[in-house]
Amino acid sequence: MTEPTPTYGSESAIQGEIVKRLRAGGWHVIVTSQDRRTRKQLANIPDLICFRDGTTLLVECKTQMGQLTPGQVDFQCDMLPHLGTHLRYKVMRYPGDADRWCEA
């Protein structure tokens, strides 16, 4: 019998678990997501900026059904020419998405 997969209903719950897993995997994680009062200041910047071993990982956290806003899509498109071995951009929908980045 397999263990049931925990349900993370909200984006903030998913983000919290992703942050926990990335930090446990040795990443330095900066949370950039803000409450609604300050959101315009950092609009479209990914929720997490993570650093480890010369790599920067930009992470947008979404629920399983969550959609990127038009501004987030624009940011992602603007980043595409700059992505490579040392700069990555990922949309993570499940805490387990972070595990692949924590492997040695």
N, C-alpha and C. Protein backbone atom coordinates (compact mmCIF):
# COMPACT_ATOMS: atom_id res chain seq x y z
N MET A 1 0.85 -1.18 0.00
CA MET A 1 0.00 0.00 0.00
C MET A 1 0.89 1.24 0.00
N THR A 2 0.61 2.17 -0.88
CA THR A 2 1.42 3.39 -0.96
C THR A 2 0.84 4.46 -0.06
N GLU A 3 1.73 5.34 0.37
CA GLU A 3 1.33 6.48 1.20
C GLU A 3 0.54 7.46 0.35
N PRO A 4 -0.53 8.04 0.91
CA PRO A 4 -1.24 9.06 0.14
C PRO A 4 -0.38 10.29 -0.04
N THR A 5 -0.49 10.91 -1.19
CA THR A 5 0.25 12.13 -1.47
C THR A 5 -0.43 13.29 -0.76
N PRO A 6 0.34 14.08 0.03
CA PRO A 6 -0.29 15.22 0.71
C PRO A 6 -0.85 16.21 -0.31
N THR A 7 -1.94 16.83 0.05
CA THR A 7 -2.56 17.83 -0.80
C THR A 7 -2.14 19.21 -0.31
N TYR A 8 -1.65 20.02 -1.20
CA TYR A 8 -1.27 21.39 -0.90
C TYR A 8 -2.22 22.28 -1.69
N GLY A 9 -3.27 22.78 -1.04
CA GLY A 9 -4.32 23.49 -1.74
C GLY A 9 -3.95 24.85 -2.25
N SER A 10 -3.19 25.60 -1.50
CA SER A 10 -2.93 26.99 -1.88
C SER A 10 -1.52 27.14 -2.45
N GLU A 11 -1.37 28.18 -3.23
CA GLU A 11 -0.06 28.49 -3.78
C GLU A 11 0.95 28.75 -2.66
N SER A 12 0.53 29.43 -1.60
CA SER A 12 1.46 29.72 -0.50
C SER A 12 1.88 28.44 0.21
N ALA A 13 1.00 27.46 0.33
CA ALA A 13 1.36 26.18 0.96
C ALA A 13 2.36 25.42 0.09
N ILE A 14 2.13 25.42 -1.21
CA ILE A 14 3.06 24.78 -2.15
C ILE A 14 4.41 25.48 -2.08
N GLN A 15 4.38 26.80 -2.11
CA GLN A 15 5.63 27.57 -2.05
C GLN A 15 6.39 27.28 -0.77
N GLY A 16 5.71 27.24 0.35
CA GLY A 16 6.38 26.96 1.62
C GLY A 16 7.09 25.63 1.63
N GLU A 17 6.46 24.62 1.08
CA GLU A 17 7.08 23.30 1.02
C GLU A 17 8.24 23.27 0.03
N ILE A 18 8.11 23.96 -1.09
CA ILE A 18 9.20 24.05 -2.06
C ILE A 18 10.41 24.74 -1.43
N VAL A 19 10.17 25.84 -0.73
CA VAL A 19 11.26 26.55 -0.05
C VAL A 19 11.95 25.62 0.94
N LYS A 20 11.18 24.91 1.72
CA LYS A 20 11.74 23.98 2.71
C LYS A 20 12.62 22.93 2.04
N ARG A 21 12.14 22.36 0.97
CA ARG A 21 12.91 21.31 0.28
C ARG A 21 14.17 21.86 -0.38
N LEU A 22 14.06 23.03 -1.02
CA LEU A 22 15.25 23.61 -1.64
C LEU A 22 16.30 23.96 -0.60
N ARG A 23 15.89 24.55 0.50
CA ARG A 23 16.86 24.90 1.56
C ARG A 23 17.51 23.65 2.13
N ALA A 24 16.73 22.59 2.32
CA ALA A 24 17.30 21.33 2.81
C ALA A 24 18.28 20.74 1.80
N GLY A 25 18.10 21.07 0.53
CA GLY A 25 19.00 20.61 -0.53
C GLY A 25 20.20 21.51 -0.76
N GLY A 26 20.39 22.49 0.12
CA GLY A 26 21.58 23.32 0.04
C GLY A 26 21.44 24.62 -0.74
N TRP A 27 20.22 24.95 -1.17
CA TRP A 27 20.00 26.19 -1.91
C TRP A 27 19.82 27.36 -0.95
N HIS A 28 20.35 28.50 -1.31
CA HIS A 28 20.04 29.76 -0.61
C HIS A 28 18.83 30.32 -1.33
N VAL A 29 17.71 30.45 -0.60
CA VAL A 29 16.44 30.82 -1.21
C VAL A 29 16.00 32.19 -0.72
N ILE A 30 15.71 33.07 -1.66
CA ILE A 30 15.14 34.38 -1.35
C ILE A 30 13.69 34.35 -1.85
N VAL A 31 12.77 34.62 -0.93
CA VAL A 31 11.35 34.64 -1.27
C VAL A 31 11.00 36.07 -1.67
N THR A 32 10.55 36.23 -2.91
CA THR A 32 10.24 37.58 -3.40
C THR A 32 8.74 37.85 -3.44
N SER A 33 7.93 36.80 -3.27
CA SER A 33 6.48 37.02 -3.33
C SER A 33 6.06 37.91 -2.16
N GLN A 34 5.12 38.79 -2.42
CA GLN A 34 4.69 39.79 -1.46
C GLN A 34 3.19 39.71 -1.25
N ASP A 35 2.71 40.32 -0.20
CA ASP A 35 1.26 40.39 -0.02
C ASP A 35 0.69 41.39 -1.03
N ARG A 36 -0.61 41.43 -1.12
CA ARG A 36 -1.28 42.23 -2.15
C ARG A 36 -0.95 43.72 -2.07
N ARG A 37 -0.64 44.24 -0.88
CA ARG A 37 -0.37 45.67 -0.73
C ARG A 37 0.91 46.09 -1.42
N THR A 38 1.88 45.20 -1.51
CA THR A 38 3.18 45.57 -2.09
C THR A 38 3.44 44.87 -3.42
N ARG A 39 2.48 44.15 -3.93
CA ARG A 39 2.68 43.32 -5.11
C ARG A 39 3.16 44.10 -6.34
N LYS A 40 2.68 45.31 -6.55
CA LYS A 40 3.07 46.06 -7.75
C LYS A 40 4.57 46.34 -7.79
N GLN A 41 5.17 46.47 -6.63
CA GLN A 41 6.60 46.76 -6.56
C GLN A 41 7.43 45.65 -7.22
N LEU A 42 7.03 44.39 -7.05
CA LEU A 42 7.78 43.27 -7.59
C LEU A 42 6.96 42.48 -8.61
N ALA A 43 6.04 43.13 -9.28
CA ALA A 43 5.16 42.44 -10.22
C ALA A 43 5.96 41.65 -11.24
N ASN A 44 5.57 40.41 -11.43
CA ASN A 44 6.10 39.51 -12.45
C ASN A 44 7.47 38.92 -12.14
N ILE A 45 8.11 39.34 -11.06
CA ILE A 45 9.36 38.71 -10.63
C ILE A 45 8.99 37.34 -10.06
N PRO A 46 9.75 36.28 -10.38
CA PRO A 46 9.41 34.95 -9.85
C PRO A 46 9.35 34.95 -8.32
N ASP A 47 8.59 34.02 -7.78
CA ASP A 47 8.37 33.93 -6.33
C ASP A 47 9.65 33.66 -5.56
N LEU A 48 10.56 32.89 -6.15
CA LEU A 48 11.79 32.49 -5.46
C LEU A 48 13.00 32.74 -6.35
N ILE A 49 14.05 33.24 -5.74
CA ILE A 49 15.35 33.34 -6.41
C ILE A 49 16.29 32.50 -5.57
N CYS A 50 16.87 31.48 -6.18
CA CYS A 50 17.64 30.48 -5.44
C CYS A 50 19.05 30.38 -6.02
N PHE A 51 20.02 30.20 -5.12
CA PHE A 51 21.43 30.14 -5.52
C PHE A 51 22.08 28.89 -4.92
N ARG A 52 22.85 28.18 -5.73
CA ARG A 52 23.65 27.06 -5.23
C ARG A 52 24.72 26.71 -6.25
N ASP A 53 25.93 26.60 -5.80
CA ASP A 53 27.05 26.12 -6.62
C ASP A 53 27.15 26.80 -7.98
N GLY A 54 27.00 28.11 -8.02
CA GLY A 54 27.16 28.85 -9.26
C GLY A 54 25.94 28.83 -10.16
N THR A 55 24.83 28.30 -9.69
CA THR A 55 23.60 28.26 -10.47
C THR A 55 22.55 29.12 -9.79
N THR A 56 21.81 29.87 -10.59
CA THR A 56 20.67 30.65 -10.12
C THR A 56 19.42 30.03 -10.69
N LEU A 57 18.47 29.76 -9.81
CA LEU A 57 17.21 29.14 -10.19
C LEU A 57 16.09 30.12 -9.86
N LEU A 58 15.35 30.54 -10.88
CA LEU A 58 14.20 31.43 -10.70
C LEU A 58 12.96 30.54 -10.71
N VAL A 59 12.16 30.61 -9.64
CA VAL A 59 11.03 29.70 -9.49
C VAL A 59 9.72 30.47 -9.35
N GLU A 60 8.78 30.13 -10.19
CA GLU A 60 7.42 30.62 -10.06
C GLU A 60 6.60 29.47 -9.50
N CYS A 61 5.95 29.67 -8.37
CA CYS A 61 5.13 28.63 -7.73
C CYS A 61 3.68 28.81 -8.13
N LYS A 62 3.07 27.72 -8.56
CA LYS A 62 1.66 27.74 -8.96
C LYS A 62 0.98 26.47 -8.45
N THR A 63 -0.33 26.54 -8.29
CA THR A 63 -1.08 25.33 -8.00
C THR A 63 -1.14 24.49 -9.27
N GLN A 64 -1.68 23.29 -9.15
CA GLN A 64 -1.78 22.41 -10.31
C GLN A 64 -2.53 23.08 -11.46
N MET A 65 -3.57 23.82 -11.15
CA MET A 65 -4.38 24.46 -12.17
C MET A 65 -4.05 25.94 -12.36
N GLY A 66 -3.13 26.47 -11.56
CA GLY A 66 -2.78 27.88 -11.63
C GLY A 66 -2.14 28.25 -12.96
N GLN A 67 -2.45 29.42 -13.45
CA GLN A 67 -1.93 29.91 -14.72
C GLN A 67 -0.99 31.09 -14.49
N LEU A 68 0.01 31.19 -15.33
CA LEU A 68 0.88 32.37 -15.29
C LEU A 68 0.07 33.57 -15.75
N THR A 69 0.31 34.71 -15.12
CA THR A 69 -0.33 35.94 -15.57
C THR A 69 0.34 36.38 -16.87
N PRO A 70 -0.30 37.27 -17.63
CA PRO A 70 0.36 37.77 -18.84
C PRO A 70 1.73 38.38 -18.55
N GLY A 71 1.86 39.10 -17.44
CA GLY A 71 3.15 39.69 -17.08
C GLY A 71 4.19 38.63 -16.76
N GLN A 72 3.78 37.53 -16.12
CA GLN A 72 4.71 36.44 -15.82
C GLN A 72 5.16 35.73 -17.10
N VAL A 73 4.24 35.60 -18.04
CA VAL A 73 4.60 35.02 -19.34
C VAL A 73 5.60 35.93 -20.05
N ASP A 74 5.39 37.23 -20.01
CA ASP A 74 6.33 38.18 -20.61
C ASP A 74 7.70 38.06 -19.97
N PHE A 75 7.74 37.97 -18.63
CA PHE A 75 9.02 37.83 -17.93
C PHE A 75 9.72 36.55 -18.38
N GLN A 76 8.96 35.46 -18.44
CA GLN A 76 9.53 34.18 -18.86
C GLN A 76 10.10 34.29 -20.28
N CYS A 77 9.37 34.92 -21.18
CA CYS A 77 9.85 35.09 -22.56
C CYS A 77 11.09 35.98 -22.62
N ASP A 78 11.11 37.01 -21.79
CA ASP A 78 12.28 37.90 -21.75
C ASP A 78 13.52 37.17 -21.24
N MET A 79 13.32 36.17 -20.36
CA MET A 79 14.44 35.43 -19.79
C MET A 79 15.00 34.38 -20.73
N LEU A 80 14.18 33.87 -21.64
CA LEU A 80 14.59 32.75 -22.49
C LEU A 80 15.96 32.91 -23.14
N PRO A 81 16.32 34.08 -23.71
CA PRO A 81 17.63 34.19 -24.34
C PRO A 81 18.79 34.13 -23.35
N HIS A 82 18.52 34.28 -22.07
CA HIS A 82 19.57 34.35 -21.06
C HIS A 82 19.73 33.06 -20.27
N LEU A 83 18.82 32.12 -20.47
CA LEU A 83 18.85 30.87 -19.72
C LEU A 83 19.95 29.97 -20.22
N GLY A 84 20.48 29.15 -19.33
CA GLY A 84 21.54 28.22 -19.70
C GLY A 84 21.92 27.39 -18.49
N THR A 85 23.14 26.91 -18.50
CA THR A 85 23.62 26.04 -17.44
C THR A 85 23.56 26.71 -16.07
N HIS A 86 23.82 28.01 -16.02
CA HIS A 86 23.93 28.69 -14.73
C HIS A 86 22.71 29.54 -14.38
N LEU A 87 21.77 29.66 -15.28
CA LEU A 87 20.54 30.41 -15.00
C LEU A 87 19.37 29.61 -15.53
N ARG A 88 18.46 29.24 -14.61
CA ARG A 88 17.30 28.44 -14.97
C ARG A 88 16.02 29.12 -14.50
N TYR A 89 14.94 28.89 -15.22
CA TYR A 89 13.62 29.40 -14.84
C TYR A 89 12.67 28.21 -14.85
N LYS A 90 11.96 28.01 -13.74
CA LYS A 90 11.05 26.87 -13.63
C LYS A 90 9.74 27.30 -12.99
N VAL A 91 8.65 26.72 -13.48
CA VAL A 91 7.36 26.82 -12.81
C VAL A 91 7.21 25.52 -12.04
N MET A 92 7.04 25.62 -10.72
CA MET A 92 6.87 24.43 -9.89
C MET A 92 5.44 24.40 -9.35
N ARG A 93 4.79 23.27 -9.55
CA ARG A 93 3.39 23.10 -9.15
C ARG A 93 3.23 22.14 -7.97
N TYR A 94 4.24 21.37 -7.69
CA TYR A 94 4.21 20.38 -6.61
C TYR A 94 5.50 20.49 -5.82
N PRO A 95 5.46 20.26 -4.51
CA PRO A 95 6.71 20.27 -3.74
C PRO A 95 7.77 19.33 -4.30
N GLY A 96 7.34 18.20 -4.83
CA GLY A 96 8.28 17.24 -5.40
C GLY A 96 9.06 17.78 -6.59
N ASP A 97 8.55 18.84 -7.23
CA ASP A 97 9.28 19.45 -8.34
C ASP A 97 10.64 19.97 -7.88
N ALA A 98 10.74 20.35 -6.61
CA ALA A 98 12.00 20.88 -6.08
C ALA A 98 13.04 19.79 -5.87
N ASP A 99 12.58 18.55 -5.65
CA ASP A 99 13.50 17.47 -5.30
C ASP A 99 14.56 17.23 -6.38
N ARG A 100 14.18 17.36 -7.63
CA ARG A 100 15.13 17.13 -8.72
C ARG A 100 16.29 18.11 -8.66
N TRP A 101 16.06 19.30 -8.10
CA TRP A 101 17.11 20.32 -8.00
C TRP A 101 17.96 20.15 -6.77
N CYS A 102 17.61 19.20 -5.91
CA CYS A 102 18.34 18.99 -4.67
C CYS A 102 19.27 17.79 -4.74
N GLU A 103 19.23 17.09 -5.85
CA GLU A 103 20.13 15.95 -6.02
C GLU A 103 21.54 16.46 -6.24
N ALA A 104 22.48 15.70 -5.74
CA ALA A 104 23.90 16.10 -5.85
C ALA A 104 24.40 16.02 -7.25
